Amino acid sequence: MFQIEYSSAALRNLKHIQKEDSVRIISALEELAGEPDPIRHVKKLRGLPFYSLRIGNYRAVLAFRRGVLVIFVIDIDRRNTVYRRLK
């Protein structure tokens, strides 16, 4: 099982999302952390060392640290804005 760490930006954005959506996002991330190979369930972002997890209209941008089994959540936001901040 992987451990989940959230960046300050991800936590800030999670607080501004409606409660039912934030609960669904956290649940999806916890489910991903329980997978034996979570990279199979996410999309690699082209040209960046990050991955994207689709949760309805939201995307969680992730980085994996294999040595210590950590999923690091970089950002969470609507799909039309989350990728703009990565560049």
PDB file of N, CA and C in Angstrom:
ATOM      1  N   MET A   1       0.835  -1.187   0.000  1.00  0.00           N
ATOM      2  CA  MET A   1       0.000   0.000   0.000  1.00  0.00           C
ATOM      3  C   MET A   1       0.875   1.243   0.000  1.00  0.00           C
ATOM      4  N   PHE A   2       0.489   2.222  -0.777  1.00  0.00           N
ATOM      5  CA  PHE A   2       1.216   3.477  -0.886  1.00  0.00           C
ATOM      6  C   PHE A   2       0.693   4.478   0.140  1.00  0.00           C
ATOM      7  N   GLN A   3       1.545   5.382   0.536  1.00  0.00           N
ATOM      8  CA  GLN A   3       1.172   6.489   1.412  1.00  0.00           C
ATOM      9  C   GLN A   3       0.838   7.678   0.519  1.00  0.00           C
ATOM     10  N   ILE A   4      -0.103   8.526   0.924  1.00  0.00           N
ATOM     11  CA  ILE A   4      -0.490   9.704   0.147  1.00  0.00           C
ATOM     12  C   ILE A   4       0.008  10.955   0.862  1.00  0.00           C
ATOM     13  N   GLU A   5       0.702  11.816   0.124  1.00  0.00           N
ATOM     14  CA  GLU A   5       1.122  13.116   0.639  1.00  0.00           C
ATOM     15  C   GLU A   5       0.530  14.185  -0.271  1.00  0.00           C
ATOM     16  N   TYR A   6       0.053  15.271   0.314  1.00  0.00           N
ATOM     17  CA  TYR A   6      -0.572  16.354  -0.446  1.00  0.00           C
ATOM     18  C   TYR A   6       0.314  17.589  -0.403  1.00  0.00           C
ATOM     19  N   SER A   7       0.458  18.265  -1.530  1.00  0.00           N
ATOM     20  CA  SER A   7       1.164  19.544  -1.538  1.00  0.00           C
ATOM     21  C   SER A   7       0.243  20.601  -0.923  1.00  0.00           C
ATOM     22  N   SER A   8       0.798  21.744  -0.570  1.00  0.00           N
ATOM     23  CA  SER A   8      -0.025  22.810   0.008  1.00  0.00           C
ATOM     24  C   SER A   8      -1.047  23.315  -1.013  1.00  0.00           C
ATOM     25  N   ALA A   9      -0.664  23.351  -2.296  1.00  0.00           N
ATOM     26  CA  ALA A   9      -1.598  23.791  -3.344  1.00  0.00           C
ATOM     27  C   ALA A   9      -2.754  22.809  -3.488  1.00  0.00           C
ATOM     28  N   ALA A  10      -2.456  21.533  -3.412  1.00  0.00           N
ATOM     29  CA  ALA A  10      -3.509  20.516  -3.520  1.00  0.00           C
ATOM     30  C   ALA A  10      -4.482  20.627  -2.350  1.00  0.00           C
ATOM     31  N   LEU A  11      -3.965  20.819  -1.149  1.00  0.00           N
ATOM     32  CA  LEU A  11      -4.847  20.963   0.022  1.00  0.00           C
ATOM     33  C   LEU A  11      -5.695  22.224  -0.073  1.00  0.00           C
ATOM     34  N   ARG A  12      -5.096  23.312  -0.533  1.00  0.00           N
ATOM     35  CA  ARG A  12      -5.825  24.573  -0.679  1.00  0.00           C
ATOM     36  C   ARG A  12      -6.966  24.413  -1.693  1.00  0.00           C
ATOM     37  N   ASN A  13      -6.682  23.788  -2.830  1.00  0.00           N
ATOM     38  CA  ASN A  13      -7.711  23.590  -3.847  1.00  0.00           C
ATOM     39  C   ASN A  13      -8.779  22.613  -3.373  1.00  0.00           C
ATOM     40  N   LEU A  14      -8.386  21.615  -2.618  1.00  0.00           N
ATOM     41  CA  LEU A  14      -9.340  20.639  -2.102  1.00  0.00           C
ATOM     42  C   LEU A  14     -10.338  21.293  -1.149  1.00  0.00           C
ATOM     43  N   LYS A  15      -9.888  22.295  -0.395  1.00  0.00           N
ATOM     44  CA  LYS A  15     -10.770  23.007   0.529  1.00  0.00           C
ATOM     45  C   LYS A  15     -11.814  23.849  -0.206  1.00  0.00           C
ATOM     46  N   HIS A  16     -11.491  24.297  -1.433  1.00  0.00           N
ATOM     47  CA  HIS A  16     -12.409  25.155  -2.194  1.00  0.00           C
ATOM     48  C   HIS A  16     -13.385  24.370  -3.052  1.00  0.00           C
ATOM     49  N   ILE A  17     -13.228  23.065  -3.087  1.00  0.00           N
ATOM     50  CA  ILE A  17     -14.115  22.202  -3.870  1.00  0.00           C
ATOM     51  C   ILE A  17     -15.303  21.824  -2.992  1.00  0.00           C
ATOM     52  N   GLN A  18     -16.470  21.658  -3.598  1.00  0.00           N
ATOM     53  CA  GLN A  18     -17.657  21.254  -2.840  1.00  0.00           C
ATOM     54  C   GLN A  18     -17.381  19.967  -2.063  1.00  0.00           C
ATOM     55  N   LYS A  19     -18.001  19.853  -0.902  1.00  0.00           N
ATOM     56  CA  LYS A  19     -17.715  18.751   0.008  1.00  0.00           C
ATOM     57  C   LYS A  19     -17.926  17.386  -0.633  1.00  0.00           C
ATOM     58  N   GLU A  20     -19.020  17.187  -1.357  1.00  0.00           N
ATOM     59  CA  GLU A  20     -19.280  15.876  -1.949  1.00  0.00           C
ATOM     60  C   GLU A  20     -18.217  15.519  -2.991  1.00  0.00           C
ATOM     61  N   ASP A  21     -17.728  16.507  -3.739  1.00  0.00           N
ATOM     62  CA  ASP A  21     -16.675  16.253  -4.713  1.00  0.00           C
ATOM     63  C   ASP A  21     -15.337  15.983  -4.035  1.00  0.00           C
ATOM     64  N   SER A  22     -15.033  16.732  -2.979  1.00  0.00           N
ATOM     65  CA  SER A  22     -13.761  16.515  -2.286  1.00  0.00           C
ATOM     66  C   SER A  22     -13.722  15.149  -1.620  1.00  0.00           C
ATOM     67  N   VAL A  23     -14.860  14.691  -1.095  1.00  0.00           N
ATOM     68  CA  VAL A  23     -14.919  13.355  -0.496  1.00  0.00           C
ATOM     69  C   VAL A  23     -14.684  12.295  -1.575  1.00  0.00           C
ATOM     70  N   ARG A  24     -15.265  12.496  -2.745  1.00  0.00           N
ATOM     71  CA  ARG A  24     -15.081  11.558  -3.856  1.00  0.00           C
ATOM     72  C   ARG A  24     -13.625  11.536  -4.321  1.00  0.00           C
ATOM     73  N   ILE A  25     -12.972  12.694  -4.352  1.00  0.00           N
ATOM     74  CA  ILE A  25     -11.565  12.786  -4.766  1.00  0.00           C
ATOM     75  C   ILE A  25     -10.671  12.065  -3.772  1.00  0.00           C
ATOM     76  N   ILE A  26     -10.871  12.332  -2.494  1.00  0.00           N
ATOM     77  CA  ILE A  26     -10.058  11.687  -1.456  1.00  0.00           C
ATOM     78  C   ILE A  26     -10.267  10.171  -1.485  1.00  0.00           C
ATOM     79  N   SER A  27     -11.500   9.742  -1.676  1.00  0.00           N
ATOM     80  CA  SER A  27     -11.795   8.317  -1.753  1.00  0.00           C
ATOM     81  C   SER A  27     -11.081   7.672  -2.938  1.00  0.00           C
ATOM     82  N   ALA A  28     -11.086   8.344  -4.090  1.00  0.00           N
ATOM     83  CA  ALA A  28     -10.410   7.812  -5.277  1.00  0.00           C
ATOM     84  C   ALA A  28      -8.902   7.721  -5.056  1.00  0.00           C
ATOM     85  N   LEU A  29      -8.321   8.718  -4.386  1.00  0.00           N
ATOM     86  CA  LEU A  29      -6.887   8.692  -4.109  1.00  0.00           C
ATOM     87  C   LEU A  29      -6.538   7.572  -3.127  1.00  0.00           C
ATOM     88  N   GLU A  30      -7.391   7.355  -2.123  1.00  0.00           N
ATOM     89  CA  GLU A  30      -7.149   6.273  -1.172  1.00  0.00           C
ATOM     90  C   GLU A  30      -7.282   4.911  -1.845  1.00  0.00           C
ATOM     91  N   GLU A  31      -8.234   4.799  -2.760  1.00  0.00           N
ATOM     92  CA  GLU A  31      -8.386   3.560  -3.514  1.00  0.00           C
ATOM     93  C   GLU A  31      -7.162   3.307  -4.389  1.00  0.00           C
ATOM     94  N   LEU A  32      -6.642   4.358  -5.008  1.00  0.00           N
ATOM     95  CA  LEU A  32      -5.439   4.238  -5.818  1.00  0.00           C
ATOM     96  C   LEU A  32      -4.248   3.811  -4.966  1.00  0.00           C
ATOM     97  N   ALA A  33      -4.143   4.354  -3.766  1.00  0.00           N
ATOM     98  CA  ALA A  33      -3.033   4.016  -2.871  1.00  0.00           C
ATOM     99  C   ALA A  33      -3.082   2.550  -2.445  1.00  0.00           C
ATOM    100  N   GLY A  34      -4.254   1.955  -2.440  1.00  0.00           N
ATOM    101  CA  GLY A  34      -4.394   0.559  -2.056  1.00  0.00           C
ATOM    102  C   GLY A  34      -4.064  -0.425  -3.166  1.00  0.00           C
ATOM    103  N   GLU A  35      -3.907   0.068  -4.377  1.00  0.00           N
ATOM    104  CA  GLU A  35      -3.583  -0.795  -5.515  1.00  0.00           C
ATOM    105  C   GLU A  35      -2.127  -1.266  -5.426  1.00  0.00           C
ATOM    106  N   PRO A  36      -1.844  -2.491  -5.854  1.00  0.00           N
ATOM    107  CA  PRO A  36      -0.451  -2.965  -5.849  1.00  0.00           C
ATOM    108  C   PRO A  36       0.417  -2.250  -6.885  1.00  0.00           C
ATOM    109  N   ASP A  37      -0.159  -1.841  -8.021  1.00  0.00           N
ATOM    110  CA  ASP A  37       0.570  -1.107  -9.050  1.00  0.00           C
ATOM    111  C   ASP A  37      -0.284   0.071  -9.525  1.00  0.00           C
ATOM    112  N   PRO A  38      -0.284   1.186  -8.777  1.00  0.00           N
ATOM    113  CA  PRO A  38      -1.178   2.305  -9.095  1.00  0.00           C
ATOM    114  C   PRO A  38      -0.862   3.009 -10.408  1.00  0.00           C
ATOM    115  N   ILE A  39       0.339   2.866 -10.932  1.00  0.00           N
ATOM    116  CA  ILE A  39       0.695   3.549 -12.174  1.00  0.00           C
ATOM    117  C   ILE A  39      -0.140   3.013 -13.338  1.00  0.00           C
ATOM    118  N   ARG A  40      -0.629   1.799 -13.230  1.00  0.00           N
ATOM    119  CA  ARG A  40      -1.476   1.233 -14.273  1.00  0.00           C
ATOM    120  C   ARG A  40      -2.821   1.945 -14.378  1.00  0.00           C
ATOM    121  N   HIS A  41      -3.223   2.682 -13.353  1.00  0.00           N
ATOM    122  CA  HIS A  41      -4.546   3.309 -13.303  1.00  0.00           C
ATOM    123  C   HIS A  41      -4.533   4.812 -13.550  1.00  0.00           C
ATOM    124  N   VAL A  42      -3.372   5.359 -13.903  1.00  0.00           N
ATOM    125  CA  VAL A  42      -3.262   6.797 -14.150  1.00  0.00           C
ATOM    126  C   VAL A  42      -2.687   7.043 -15.538  1.00  0.00           C
ATOM    127  N   LYS A  43      -2.787   8.297 -15.991  1.00  0.00           N
ATOM    128  CA  LYS A  43      -2.291   8.677 -17.309  1.00  0.00           C
ATOM    129  C   LYS A  43      -0.999   9.473 -17.147  1.00  0.00           C
ATOM    130  N   LYS A  44       0.030   9.101 -17.887  1.00  0.00           N
ATOM    131  CA  LYS A  44       1.299   9.827 -17.869  1.00  0.00           C
ATOM    132  C   LYS A  44       1.125  11.130 -18.638  1.00  0.00           C
ATOM    133  N   LEU A  45       1.585  12.226 -18.067  1.00  0.00           N
ATOM    134  CA  LEU A  45       1.513  13.521 -18.738  1.00  0.00           C
ATOM    135  C   LEU A  45       2.720  13.680 -19.653  1.00  0.00           C
ATOM    136  N   ARG A  46       2.462  13.981 -20.895  1.00  0.00           N
ATOM    137  CA  ARG A  46       3.510  14.085 -21.902  1.00  0.00           C
ATOM    138  C   ARG A  46       4.442  15.252 -21.591  1.00  0.00           C
ATOM    139  N   GLY A  47       5.733  14.973 -21.583  1.00  0.00           N
ATOM    140  CA  GLY A  47       6.740  16.010 -21.386  1.00  0.00           C
ATOM    141  C   GLY A  47       6.961  16.408 -19.935  1.00  0.00           C
ATOM    142  N   LEU A  48       6.254  15.783 -19.015  1.00  0.00           N
ATOM    143  CA  LEU A  48       6.387  16.111 -17.592  1.00  0.00           C
ATOM    144  C   LEU A  48       6.572  14.816 -16.795  1.00  0.00           C
ATOM    145  N   PRO A  49       7.200  14.890 -15.636  1.00  0.00           N
ATOM    146  CA  PRO A  49       7.390  13.673 -14.833  1.00  0.00           C
ATOM    147  C   PRO A  49       6.190  13.371 -13.929  1.00  0.00           C
ATOM    148  N   PHE A  50       4.995  13.776 -14.346  1.00  0.00           N
ATOM    149  CA  PHE A  50       3.801  13.636 -13.523  1.00  0.00           C
ATOM    150  C   PHE A  50       2.773  12.726 -14.188  1.00  0.00           C
ATOM    151  N   TYR A  51       1.788  12.347 -13.386  1.00  0.00           N
ATOM    152  CA  TYR A  51       0.682  11.515 -13.853  1.00  0.00           C
ATOM    153  C   TYR A  51      -0.625  12.217 -13.499  1.00  0.00           C
ATOM    154  N   SER A  52      -1.703  11.849 -14.185  1.00  0.00           N
ATOM    155  CA  SER A  52      -3.005  12.448 -13.952  1.00  0.00           C
ATOM    156  C   SER A  52      -4.021  11.360 -13.619  1.00  0.00           C
ATOM    157  N   LEU A  53      -4.791  11.579 -12.576  1.00  0.00           N
ATOM    158  CA  LEU A  53      -5.883  10.687 -12.202  1.00  0.00           C
ATOM    159  C   LEU A  53      -7.186  11.418 -12.459  1.00  0.00           C
ATOM    160  N   ARG A  54      -8.034  10.822 -13.274  1.00  0.00           N
ATOM    161  CA  ARG A  54      -9.321  11.425 -13.616  1.00  0.00           C
ATOM    162  C   ARG A  54     -10.351  11.043 -12.568  1.00  0.00           C
ATOM    163  N   ILE A  55     -11.006  12.068 -12.005  1.00  0.00           N
ATOM    164  CA  ILE A  55     -12.057  11.871 -11.011  1.00  0.00           C
ATOM    165  C   ILE A  55     -13.211  12.776 -11.422  1.00  0.00           C
ATOM    166  N   GLY A  56     -14.094  12.297 -12.279  1.00  0.00           N
ATOM    167  CA  GLY A  56     -15.184  13.112 -12.804  1.00  0.00           C
ATOM    168  C   GLY A  56     -14.632  14.262 -13.611  1.00  0.00           C
ATOM    169  N   ASN A  57     -15.032  15.502 -13.291  1.00  0.00           N
ATOM    170  CA  ASN A  57     -14.520  16.690 -13.974  1.00  0.00           C
ATOM    171  C   ASN A  57     -13.224  17.201 -13.366  1.00  0.00           C
ATOM    172  N   TYR A  58     -12.728  16.534 -12.356  1.00  0.00           N
ATOM    173  CA  TYR A  58     -11.509  16.957 -11.684  1.00  0.00           C
ATOM    174  C   TYR A  58     -10.353  16.061 -12.077  1.00  0.00           C
ATOM    175  N   ARG A  59      -9.142  16.606 -11.938  1.00  0.00           N
ATOM    176  CA  ARG A  59      -7.928  15.849 -12.181  1.00  0.00           C
ATOM    177  C   ARG A  59      -7.005  16.045 -10.986  1.00  0.00           C
ATOM    178  N   ALA A  60      -6.395  14.956 -10.558  1.00  0.00           N
ATOM    179  CA  ALA A  60      -5.360  15.025  -9.535  1.00  0.00           C
ATOM    180  C   ALA A  60      -4.039  14.773 -10.236  1.00  0.00           C
ATOM    181  N   VAL A  61      -3.119  15.706 -10.122  1.00  0.00           N
ATOM    182  CA  VAL A  61      -1.798  15.564 -10.720  1.00  0.00           C
ATOM    183  C   VAL A  61      -0.899  14.940  -9.664  1.00  0.00           C
ATOM    184  N   LEU A  62      -0.261  13.828 -10.033  1.00  0.00           N
ATOM    185  CA  LEU A  62       0.473  13.017  -9.076  1.00  0.00           C
ATOM    186  C   LEU A  62       1.918  12.805  -9.491  1.00  0.00           C
ATOM    187  N   ALA A  63       2.753  12.531  -8.507  1.00  0.00           N
ATOM    188  CA  ALA A  63       4.120  12.064  -8.734  1.00  0.00           C
ATOM    189  C   ALA A  63       4.294  10.839  -7.836  1.00  0.00           C
ATOM    190  N   PHE A  64       5.034   9.859  -8.316  1.00  0.00           N
ATOM    191  CA  PHE A  64       5.255   8.637  -7.547  1.00  0.00           C
ATOM    192  C   PHE A  64       6.698   8.577  -7.084  1.00  0.00           C
ATOM    193  N   ARG A  65       6.890   8.186  -5.851  1.00  0.00           N
ATOM    194  CA  ARG A  65       8.221   7.956  -5.299  1.00  0.00           C
ATOM    195  C   ARG A  65       8.304   6.471  -4.984  1.00  0.00           C
ATOM    196  N   ARG A  66       8.925   5.725  -5.838  1.00  0.00           N
ATOM    197  CA  ARG A  66       8.968   4.261  -5.729  1.00  0.00           C
ATOM    198  C   ARG A  66       9.763   3.779  -4.521  1.00  0.00           C
ATOM    199  N   GLY A  67      10.853   4.438  -4.203  1.00  0.00           N
ATOM    200  CA  GLY A  67      11.714   3.965  -3.128  1.00  0.00           C
ATOM    201  C   GLY A  67      11.009   3.874  -1.787  1.00  0.00           C
ATOM    202  N   VAL A  68      10.079   4.791  -1.525  1.00  0.00           N
ATOM    203  CA  VAL A  68       9.400   4.808  -0.242  1.00  0.00           C
ATOM    204  C   VAL A  68       7.891   4.600  -0.381  1.00  0.00           C
ATOM    205  N   LEU A  69       7.428   4.228  -1.587  1.00  0.00           N
ATOM    206  CA  LEU A  69       6.014   3.956  -1.840  1.00  0.00           C
ATOM    207  C   LEU A  69       5.107   5.124  -1.432  1.00  0.00           C
ATOM    208  N   VAL A  70       5.329   6.271  -2.060  1.00  0.00           N
ATOM    209  CA  VAL A  70       4.550   7.472  -1.765  1.00  0.00           C
ATOM    210  C   VAL A  70       3.898   7.973  -3.048  1.00  0.00           C
ATOM    211  N   ILE A  71       2.627   8.344  -2.953  1.00  0.00           N
ATOM    212  CA  ILE A  71       1.951   9.077  -4.017  1.00  0.00           C
ATOM    213  C   ILE A  71       1.893  10.522  -3.555  1.00  0.00           C
ATOM    214  N   PHE A  72       2.538  11.414  -4.284  1.00  0.00           N
ATOM    215  CA  PHE A  72       2.578  12.820  -3.915  1.00  0.00           C
ATOM    216  C   PHE A  72       1.591  13.577  -4.797  1.00  0.00           C
ATOM    217  N   VAL A  73       0.548  14.126  -4.192  1.00  0.00           N
ATOM    218  CA  VAL A  73      -0.480  14.864  -4.928  1.00  0.00           C
ATOM    219  C   VAL A  73      -0.007  16.299  -5.097  1.00  0.00           C
ATOM    220  N   ILE A  74       0.250  16.688  -6.334  1.00  0.00           N
ATOM    221  CA  ILE A  74       0.796  18.003  -6.619  1.00  0.00           C
ATOM    222  C   ILE A  74      -0.298  19.049  -6.724  1.00  0.00           C
ATOM    223  N   ASP A  75      -1.386  18.719  -7.412  1.00  0.00           N
ATOM    224  CA  ASP A  75      -2.455  19.688  -7.616  1.00  0.00           C
ATOM    225  C   ASP A  75      -3.770  18.963  -7.864  1.00  0.00           C
ATOM    226  N   ILE A  76      -4.856  19.608  -7.495  1.00  0.00           N
ATOM    227  CA  ILE A  76      -6.206  19.101  -7.747  1.00  0.00           C
ATOM    228  C   ILE A  76      -7.040  20.285  -8.208  1.00  0.00           C
ATOM    229  N   ASP A  77      -7.669  20.140  -9.346  1.00  0.00           N
ATOM    230  CA  ASP A  77      -8.534  21.204  -9.836  1.00  0.00           C
ATOM    231  C   ASP A  77      -9.356  20.670 -11.001  1.00  0.00           C
ATOM    232  N   ARG A  78     -10.218  21.517 -11.533  1.00  0.00           N
ATOM    233  CA  ARG A  78     -11.020  21.129 -12.698  1.00  0.00           C
ATOM    234  C   ARG A  78     -10.102  20.857 -13.874  1.00  0.00           C
ATOM    235  N   ARG A  79     -10.563  19.995 -14.755  1.00  0.00           N
ATOM    236  CA  ARG A  79      -9.721  19.559 -15.863  1.00  0.00           C
ATOM    237  C   ARG A  79      -9.333  20.680 -16.809  1.00  0.00           C
ATOM    238  N   ASN A  80     -10.147  21.743 -16.905  1.00  0.00           N
ATOM    239  CA  ASN A  80      -9.814  22.814 -17.846  1.00  0.00           C
ATOM    240  C   ASN A  80      -8.786  23.802 -17.292  1.00  0.00           C
ATOM    241  N   THR A  81      -8.417  23.707 -16.020  1.00  0.00           N
ATOM    242  CA  THR A  81      -7.443  24.641 -15.466  1.00  0.00           C
ATOM    243  C   THR A  81      -6.219  23.975 -14.838  1.00  0.00           C
ATOM    244  N   VAL A  82      -6.308  22.733 -14.457  1.00  0.00           N
ATOM    245  CA  VAL A  82      -5.231  22.114 -13.683  1.00  0.00           C
ATOM    246  C   VAL A  82      -3.921  22.009 -14.466  1.00  0.00           C
ATOM    247  N   TYR A  83      -3.978  21.742 -15.757  1.00  0.00           N
ATOM    248  CA  TYR A  83      -2.760  21.548 -16.533  1.00  0.00           C
ATOM    249  C   TYR A  83      -2.060  22.857 -16.876  1.00  0.00           C
ATOM    250  N   ARG A  84      -2.763  23.965 -16.869  1.00  0.00           N
ATOM    251  CA  ARG A  84      -2.159  25.265 -17.204  1.00  0.00           C
ATOM    252  C   ARG A  84      -1.080  25.671 -16.205  1.00  0.00           C
ATOM    253  N   ARG A  85      -1.293  25.334 -14.948  1.00  0.00           N
ATOM    254  CA  ARG A  85      -0.350  25.739 -13.899  1.00  0.00           C
ATOM    255  C   ARG A  85       0.920  24.887 -13.872  1.00  0.00           C
ATOM    256  N   LEU A  86       0.940  23.789 -14.586  1.00  0.00           N
ATOM    257  CA  LEU A  86       2.102  22.899 -14.558  1.00  0.00           C
ATOM    258  C   LEU A  86       3.247  23.375 -15.446  1.00  0.00           C
ATOM    259  N   LYS A  87       2.951  24.200 -16.400  1.00  0.00           N
ATOM    260  CA  LYS A  87       3.985  24.602 -17.366  1.00  0.00           C
ATOM    261  C   LYS A  87       4.727  25.815 -16.939  1.00  0.00           C
TER     262      LYS A  87
END
